[in-house]
Amino acid sequence: MRRYLAAAVSILALAGVQAQESGTKVSGDELRTLVTGANVTHLNRYGSLRRWTNDPDGTFVASTSNQKHGSALSASKTASGKWSINSDGKYCIQIDWKAEDEKWCAFIIKGADGGYYLNSVDPARKIEFAR
């Protein structure tokens, strides 16, 4: 019985370490302060560098390097958008690109490195909020 109890305690301890390594969810007033008025930089899954400033009224104008379509069609573009924090405490984005609309929500996670990430601490999911 002691052996099983020791194994259970070890598993719980490891789970705690993993939770710390994965970062801390930013929520409530801290999240609102972080994102309101912030200059946002985000590299999406296609490699497009996007930038916008979260205006206090919930709007922004985004720019993108538009890497999704390859170098021949990668002219930078701008589009209007909206940001919000939903009832689940997720940071939400809606961008009205002419060819397609982009809409997503994600928890903002602060990593041990001080960086911010979408849903999990993963370099591919990094997002920057600067003043």
N, C-alpha and C. Protein backbone atom coordinates (compact mmCIF):
# COMPACT_ATOMS: atom_id res chain seq x y z
N MET A 1 0.82 -1.18 0.00
CA MET A 1 0.00 0.00 0.00
C MET A 1 0.87 1.25 0.00
N ARG A 2 1.94 1.23 0.80
CA ARG A 2 2.84 2.39 0.85
C ARG A 2 3.46 2.66 -0.52
N ARG A 3 3.78 1.59 -1.24
CA ARG A 3 4.38 1.72 -2.56
C ARG A 3 3.42 2.46 -3.50
N TYR A 4 2.13 2.11 -3.46
CA TYR A 4 1.13 2.77 -4.30
C TYR A 4 0.94 4.22 -3.89
N LEU A 5 0.96 4.47 -2.59
CA LEU A 5 0.82 5.84 -2.10
C LEU A 5 2.01 6.68 -2.53
N ALA A 6 3.21 6.14 -2.44
CA ALA A 6 4.41 6.86 -2.88
C ALA A 6 4.36 7.14 -4.37
N ALA A 7 3.88 6.19 -5.15
CA ALA A 7 3.76 6.39 -6.60
C ALA A 7 2.75 7.48 -6.90
N ALA A 8 1.62 7.48 -6.19
CA ALA A 8 0.59 8.50 -6.41
C ALA A 8 1.12 9.89 -6.06
N VAL A 9 1.86 10.00 -4.95
CA VAL A 9 2.43 11.29 -4.56
C VAL A 9 3.44 11.74 -5.61
N SER A 10 4.25 10.84 -6.13
CA SER A 10 5.23 11.18 -7.16
C SER A 10 4.55 11.69 -8.43
N ILE A 11 3.47 11.04 -8.82
CA ILE A 11 2.74 11.46 -10.02
C ILE A 11 2.15 12.85 -9.81
N LEU A 12 1.56 13.09 -8.65
CA LEU A 12 1.00 14.41 -8.36
C LEU A 12 2.08 15.48 -8.34
N ALA A 13 3.24 15.16 -7.78
CA ALA A 13 4.35 16.13 -7.75
C ALA A 13 4.81 16.46 -9.16
N LEU A 14 4.93 15.43 -10.02
CA LEU A 14 5.33 15.67 -11.40
C LEU A 14 4.30 16.51 -12.14
N ALA A 15 3.02 16.28 -11.88
CA ALA A 15 1.97 17.07 -12.52
C ALA A 15 2.09 18.53 -12.11
N GLY A 16 2.44 18.79 -10.85
CA GLY A 16 2.63 20.17 -10.39
C GLY A 16 3.79 20.83 -11.09
N VAL A 17 4.88 20.11 -11.30
CA VAL A 17 6.04 20.65 -12.01
C VAL A 17 5.66 20.98 -13.45
N GLN A 18 4.94 20.07 -14.10
CA GLN A 18 4.54 20.32 -15.47
C GLN A 18 3.64 21.54 -15.56
N ALA A 19 2.74 21.73 -14.60
CA ALA A 19 1.84 22.89 -14.63
C ALA A 19 2.65 24.17 -14.52
N GLN A 20 3.68 24.18 -13.67
CA GLN A 20 4.51 25.37 -13.53
C GLN A 20 5.27 25.65 -14.82
N GLU A 21 5.80 24.60 -15.44
CA GLU A 21 6.54 24.78 -16.68
C GLU A 21 5.64 25.26 -17.81
N SER A 22 4.37 24.92 -17.75
CA SER A 22 3.48 25.31 -18.83
C SER A 22 3.06 26.76 -18.71
N GLY A 23 3.26 27.40 -17.59
CA GLY A 23 2.94 28.81 -17.44
C GLY A 23 1.69 29.04 -16.63
N THR A 24 1.32 30.32 -16.55
CA THR A 24 0.19 30.75 -15.76
C THR A 24 -0.80 31.49 -16.64
N LYS A 25 -2.07 31.13 -16.53
CA LYS A 25 -3.10 31.81 -17.32
C LYS A 25 -3.27 33.23 -16.78
N VAL A 26 -3.28 34.19 -17.69
CA VAL A 26 -3.51 35.59 -17.33
C VAL A 26 -5.01 35.82 -17.43
N SER A 27 -5.61 36.39 -16.39
CA SER A 27 -7.06 36.55 -16.40
C SER A 27 -7.48 37.84 -15.71
N GLY A 28 -8.77 38.13 -15.78
CA GLY A 28 -9.38 39.24 -15.07
C GLY A 28 -8.78 40.59 -15.42
N ASP A 29 -8.60 41.41 -14.39
CA ASP A 29 -8.07 42.76 -14.58
C ASP A 29 -6.65 42.75 -15.15
N GLU A 30 -5.87 41.74 -14.77
CA GLU A 30 -4.50 41.63 -15.28
C GLU A 30 -4.51 41.45 -16.81
N LEU A 31 -5.41 40.61 -17.31
CA LEU A 31 -5.52 40.39 -18.76
C LEU A 31 -5.97 41.66 -19.46
N ARG A 32 -7.01 42.30 -18.92
CA ARG A 32 -7.52 43.53 -19.54
C ARG A 32 -6.43 44.61 -19.59
N THR A 33 -5.67 44.76 -18.51
CA THR A 33 -4.58 45.74 -18.48
C THR A 33 -3.49 45.39 -19.49
N LEU A 34 -3.17 44.09 -19.58
CA LEU A 34 -2.14 43.64 -20.52
C LEU A 34 -2.48 43.97 -21.96
N VAL A 35 -3.72 43.69 -22.38
CA VAL A 35 -4.06 43.79 -23.81
C VAL A 35 -4.58 45.16 -24.23
N THR A 36 -5.23 45.91 -23.34
CA THR A 36 -5.79 47.21 -23.72
C THR A 36 -4.68 48.20 -24.01
N GLY A 37 -4.67 48.75 -25.22
CA GLY A 37 -3.66 49.73 -25.63
C GLY A 37 -2.33 49.12 -26.03
N ALA A 38 -2.23 47.80 -26.01
CA ALA A 38 -0.96 47.14 -26.31
C ALA A 38 -0.69 47.09 -27.81
N ASN A 39 0.58 47.20 -28.15
CA ASN A 39 1.05 46.95 -29.51
C ASN A 39 1.31 45.45 -29.60
N VAL A 40 0.55 44.77 -30.43
CA VAL A 40 0.59 43.31 -30.50
C VAL A 40 1.41 42.87 -31.71
N THR A 41 2.25 41.88 -31.50
CA THR A 41 3.02 41.24 -32.57
C THR A 41 2.78 39.75 -32.47
N HIS A 42 2.43 39.16 -33.61
CA HIS A 42 2.11 37.73 -33.62
C HIS A 42 2.56 37.12 -34.95
N LEU A 43 3.22 35.99 -34.88
CA LEU A 43 3.62 35.24 -36.07
C LEU A 43 2.65 34.07 -36.17
N ASN A 44 1.80 34.05 -37.21
CA ASN A 44 0.80 32.99 -37.29
C ASN A 44 1.41 31.68 -37.81
N ARG A 45 0.60 30.65 -37.91
CA ARG A 45 1.09 29.32 -38.29
C ARG A 45 1.63 29.25 -39.71
N TYR A 46 1.30 30.22 -40.55
CA TYR A 46 1.81 30.25 -41.93
C TYR A 46 3.11 31.04 -42.04
N GLY A 47 3.55 31.65 -40.95
CA GLY A 47 4.76 32.44 -40.97
C GLY A 47 4.54 33.91 -41.27
N SER A 48 3.28 34.35 -41.27
CA SER A 48 2.98 35.77 -41.52
C SER A 48 3.15 36.56 -40.23
N LEU A 49 3.96 37.59 -40.30
CA LEU A 49 4.14 38.49 -39.16
C LEU A 49 3.00 39.49 -39.19
N ARG A 50 2.26 39.56 -38.08
CA ARG A 50 1.13 40.47 -38.01
C ARG A 50 1.31 41.41 -36.83
N ARG A 51 0.86 42.65 -37.00
CA ARG A 51 0.97 43.66 -35.96
C ARG A 51 -0.32 44.46 -35.90
N TRP A 52 -0.69 44.87 -34.68
CA TRP A 52 -1.82 45.78 -34.49
C TRP A 52 -1.73 46.39 -33.10
N THR A 53 -2.49 47.44 -32.87
CA THR A 53 -2.58 48.07 -31.56
C THR A 53 -4.02 47.96 -31.08
N ASN A 54 -4.21 47.37 -29.91
CA ASN A 54 -5.55 47.19 -29.34
C ASN A 54 -6.05 48.53 -28.79
N ASP A 55 -6.87 49.22 -29.57
CA ASP A 55 -7.44 50.48 -29.10
C ASP A 55 -8.44 50.19 -27.97
N PRO A 56 -8.57 51.13 -27.01
CA PRO A 56 -9.48 50.92 -25.88
C PRO A 56 -10.93 50.65 -26.27
N ASP A 57 -11.35 51.09 -27.46
CA ASP A 57 -12.73 50.87 -27.89
C ASP A 57 -12.95 49.48 -28.50
N GLY A 58 -11.93 48.62 -28.49
CA GLY A 58 -12.07 47.25 -28.99
C GLY A 58 -11.78 47.09 -30.47
N THR A 59 -11.18 48.09 -31.10
CA THR A 59 -10.85 48.01 -32.53
C THR A 59 -9.34 48.08 -32.74
N PHE A 60 -8.94 47.75 -33.95
CA PHE A 60 -7.54 47.90 -34.36
C PHE A 60 -7.45 47.83 -35.87
N VAL A 61 -6.30 48.21 -36.39
CA VAL A 61 -5.98 48.00 -37.80
C VAL A 61 -4.75 47.11 -37.82
N ALA A 62 -4.89 45.95 -38.43
CA ALA A 62 -3.80 44.96 -38.47
C ALA A 62 -3.05 45.04 -39.78
N SER A 63 -1.77 44.72 -39.71
CA SER A 63 -0.97 44.56 -40.92
C SER A 63 -0.39 43.16 -40.89
N THR A 64 -0.16 42.61 -42.08
CA THR A 64 0.42 41.27 -42.18
C THR A 64 1.43 41.23 -43.32
N SER A 65 2.44 40.39 -43.15
CA SER A 65 3.40 40.16 -44.23
C SER A 65 2.83 39.19 -45.25
N ASN A 66 1.70 38.54 -44.93
CA ASN A 66 0.94 37.69 -45.84
C ASN A 66 1.77 36.54 -46.42
N GLN A 67 2.44 35.81 -45.58
CA GLN A 67 3.28 34.68 -46.03
C GLN A 67 2.48 33.44 -46.41
N LYS A 68 1.21 33.40 -46.12
CA LYS A 68 0.40 32.21 -46.39
C LYS A 68 0.47 31.77 -47.84
N HIS A 69 0.51 32.72 -48.75
CA HIS A 69 0.44 32.41 -50.17
C HIS A 69 1.80 32.34 -50.86
N GLY A 70 2.87 32.32 -50.10
CA GLY A 70 4.20 32.19 -50.68
C GLY A 70 4.76 33.53 -51.14
N SER A 71 5.98 33.55 -51.53
CA SER A 71 6.68 34.80 -51.84
C SER A 71 6.10 35.55 -53.03
N ALA A 72 5.53 34.86 -53.98
CA ALA A 72 4.99 35.55 -55.16
C ALA A 72 3.77 36.40 -54.83
N LEU A 73 3.02 35.99 -53.84
CA LEU A 73 1.80 36.71 -53.47
C LEU A 73 1.87 37.29 -52.06
N SER A 74 3.07 37.50 -51.55
CA SER A 74 3.20 37.88 -50.15
C SER A 74 3.25 39.38 -49.92
N ALA A 75 2.57 40.16 -50.74
CA ALA A 75 2.51 41.60 -50.50
C ALA A 75 1.82 41.85 -49.16
N SER A 76 2.38 42.77 -48.38
CA SER A 76 1.77 43.06 -47.09
C SER A 76 0.39 43.67 -47.28
N LYS A 77 -0.46 43.45 -46.29
CA LYS A 77 -1.84 43.94 -46.35
C LYS A 77 -2.21 44.53 -45.00
N THR A 78 -3.26 45.33 -45.00
CA THR A 78 -3.83 45.83 -43.76
C THR A 78 -5.33 45.54 -43.77
N ALA A 79 -5.91 45.46 -42.58
CA ALA A 79 -7.34 45.21 -42.45
C ALA A 79 -7.81 45.67 -41.09
N SER A 80 -9.07 46.02 -41.01
CA SER A 80 -9.64 46.42 -39.72
C SER A 80 -10.00 45.17 -38.92
N GLY A 81 -10.03 45.33 -37.62
CA GLY A 81 -10.36 44.21 -36.77
C GLY A 81 -10.93 44.65 -35.44
N LYS A 82 -11.34 43.66 -34.66
CA LYS A 82 -11.88 43.89 -33.33
C LYS A 82 -11.24 42.92 -32.36
N TRP A 83 -11.04 43.36 -31.15
CA TRP A 83 -10.54 42.50 -30.10
C TRP A 83 -11.51 42.57 -28.92
N SER A 84 -11.52 41.51 -28.12
CA SER A 84 -12.35 41.48 -26.92
C SER A 84 -11.83 40.41 -25.98
N ILE A 85 -12.39 40.39 -24.80
CA ILE A 85 -12.16 39.31 -23.84
C ILE A 85 -13.52 38.68 -23.60
N ASN A 86 -13.66 37.39 -23.90
CA ASN A 86 -14.97 36.76 -23.79
C ASN A 86 -15.27 36.33 -22.35
N SER A 87 -16.45 35.77 -22.15
CA SER A 87 -16.90 35.39 -20.80
C SER A 87 -16.07 34.25 -20.21
N ASP A 88 -15.34 33.51 -21.04
CA ASP A 88 -14.45 32.45 -20.55
C ASP A 88 -13.08 32.99 -20.16
N GLY A 89 -12.84 34.29 -20.39
CA GLY A 89 -11.55 34.88 -20.08
C GLY A 89 -10.53 34.71 -21.19
N LYS A 90 -11.00 34.48 -22.41
CA LYS A 90 -10.10 34.33 -23.56
C LYS A 90 -9.98 35.66 -24.30
N TYR A 91 -8.80 35.91 -24.84
CA TYR A 91 -8.53 37.05 -25.71
C TYR A 91 -9.01 36.66 -27.10
N CYS A 92 -9.91 37.46 -27.67
CA CYS A 92 -10.51 37.12 -28.96
C CYS A 92 -10.16 38.16 -30.02
N ILE A 93 -9.95 37.68 -31.23
CA ILE A 93 -9.58 38.51 -32.38
C ILE A 93 -10.51 38.20 -33.54
N GLN A 94 -10.92 39.26 -34.23
CA GLN A 94 -11.65 39.12 -35.48
C GLN A 94 -11.04 40.13 -36.45
N ILE A 95 -10.50 39.64 -37.57
CA ILE A 95 -9.88 40.50 -38.57
C ILE A 95 -10.61 40.30 -39.89
N ASP A 96 -11.00 41.38 -40.51
CA ASP A 96 -11.76 41.34 -41.75
C ASP A 96 -10.83 41.48 -42.96
N TRP A 97 -10.03 40.42 -43.20
CA TRP A 97 -9.18 40.41 -44.39
C TRP A 97 -10.10 40.35 -45.61
N LYS A 98 -9.71 40.95 -46.68
CA LYS A 98 -10.59 40.97 -47.86
C LYS A 98 -10.86 39.57 -48.42
N ALA A 99 -9.86 38.71 -48.47
CA ALA A 99 -10.03 37.38 -49.03
C ALA A 99 -10.74 36.42 -48.08
N GLU A 100 -10.54 36.60 -46.78
CA GLU A 100 -11.15 35.73 -45.79
C GLU A 100 -11.13 36.41 -44.43
N ASP A 101 -12.09 36.05 -43.59
CA ASP A 101 -12.12 36.59 -42.24
C ASP A 101 -11.35 35.67 -41.31
N GLU A 102 -10.72 36.26 -40.33
CA GLU A 102 -9.99 35.50 -39.32
C GLU A 102 -10.67 35.74 -37.99
N LYS A 103 -10.95 34.67 -37.28
CA LYS A 103 -11.62 34.80 -35.99
C LYS A 103 -11.12 33.69 -35.08
N TRP A 104 -10.61 34.08 -33.90
CA TRP A 104 -10.15 33.09 -32.94
C TRP A 104 -10.16 33.66 -31.53
N CYS A 105 -10.18 32.78 -30.57
CA CYS A 105 -10.07 33.14 -29.15
C CYS A 105 -9.05 32.20 -28.51
N ALA A 106 -8.29 32.72 -27.56
CA ALA A 106 -7.29 31.90 -26.89
C ALA A 106 -7.03 32.43 -25.49
N PHE A 107 -6.72 31.51 -24.58
CA PHE A 107 -6.23 31.94 -23.28
C PHE A 107 -4.84 32.52 -23.46
N ILE A 108 -4.51 33.53 -22.71
CA ILE A 108 -3.15 34.09 -22.71
C ILE A 108 -2.42 33.46 -21.54
N ILE A 109 -1.30 32.81 -21.84
CA ILE A 109 -0.50 32.12 -20.84
C ILE A 109 0.84 32.85 -20.71
N LYS A 110 1.21 33.16 -19.48
CA LYS A 110 2.53 33.77 -19.24
C LYS A 110 3.50 32.67 -18.88
N GLY A 111 4.55 32.54 -19.69
CA GLY A 111 5.55 31.51 -19.46
C GLY A 111 6.56 31.91 -18.40
N ALA A 112 7.31 30.95 -17.94
CA ALA A 112 8.36 31.21 -16.95
C ALA A 112 9.41 32.17 -17.49
N ASP A 113 9.52 32.26 -18.83
CA ASP A 113 10.48 33.16 -19.47
C ASP A 113 9.97 34.60 -19.53
N GLY A 114 8.73 34.84 -19.03
CA GLY A 114 8.15 36.18 -19.07
C GLY A 114 7.40 36.48 -20.35
N GLY A 115 7.47 35.57 -21.32
CA GLY A 115 6.76 35.75 -22.59
C GLY A 115 5.31 35.32 -22.48
N TYR A 116 4.53 35.73 -23.49
CA TYR A 116 3.11 35.39 -23.53
C TYR A 116 2.83 34.47 -24.70
N TYR A 117 1.88 33.55 -24.50
CA TYR A 117 1.59 32.52 -25.47
C TYR A 117 0.08 32.32 -25.59
N LEU A 118 -0.35 31.80 -26.73
CA LEU A 118 -1.75 31.47 -26.96
C LEU A 118 -2.02 30.03 -26.54
N ASN A 119 -2.76 29.85 -25.49
CA ASN A 119 -3.21 28.57 -24.95
C ASN A 119 -2.15 27.70 -24.28
N SER A 120 -0.92 27.71 -24.72
CA SER A 120 0.12 26.90 -24.09
C SER A 120 1.49 27.50 -24.39
N VAL A 121 2.43 27.20 -23.50
CA VAL A 121 3.79 27.71 -23.68
C VAL A 121 4.46 26.88 -24.77
N ASP A 122 4.53 27.47 -25.94
CA ASP A 122 5.08 26.83 -27.13
C ASP A 122 5.61 27.97 -28.00
N PRO A 123 6.88 27.95 -28.37
CA PRO A 123 7.43 29.04 -29.19
C PRO A 123 6.61 29.36 -30.43
N ALA A 124 5.94 28.37 -31.00
CA ALA A 124 5.12 28.59 -32.19
C ALA A 124 3.83 29.36 -31.87
N ARG A 125 3.50 29.50 -30.59
CA ARG A 125 2.26 30.14 -30.18
C ARG A 125 2.51 31.46 -29.43
N LYS A 126 3.72 32.01 -29.60
CA LYS A 126 4.08 33.23 -28.89
C LYS A 126 3.34 34.44 -29.44
N ILE A 127 2.99 35.36 -28.54
CA ILE A 127 2.36 36.63 -28.91
C ILE A 127 2.97 37.69 -27.99
N GLU A 128 3.23 38.87 -28.55
CA GLU A 128 3.85 39.94 -27.75
C GLU A 128 2.87 41.09 -27.56
N PHE A 129 2.85 41.60 -26.34
CA PHE A 129 2.06 42.77 -25.98
C PHE A 129 3.03 43.82 -25.45
N ALA A 130 3.27 44.88 -26.21
CA ALA A 130 4.24 45.91 -25.81
C ALA A 130 3.55 47.24 -25.62
N ARG A 131 4.18 48.09 -24.87
CA ARG A 131 3.70 49.47 -24.64
C ARG A 131 4.59 50.44 -25.34
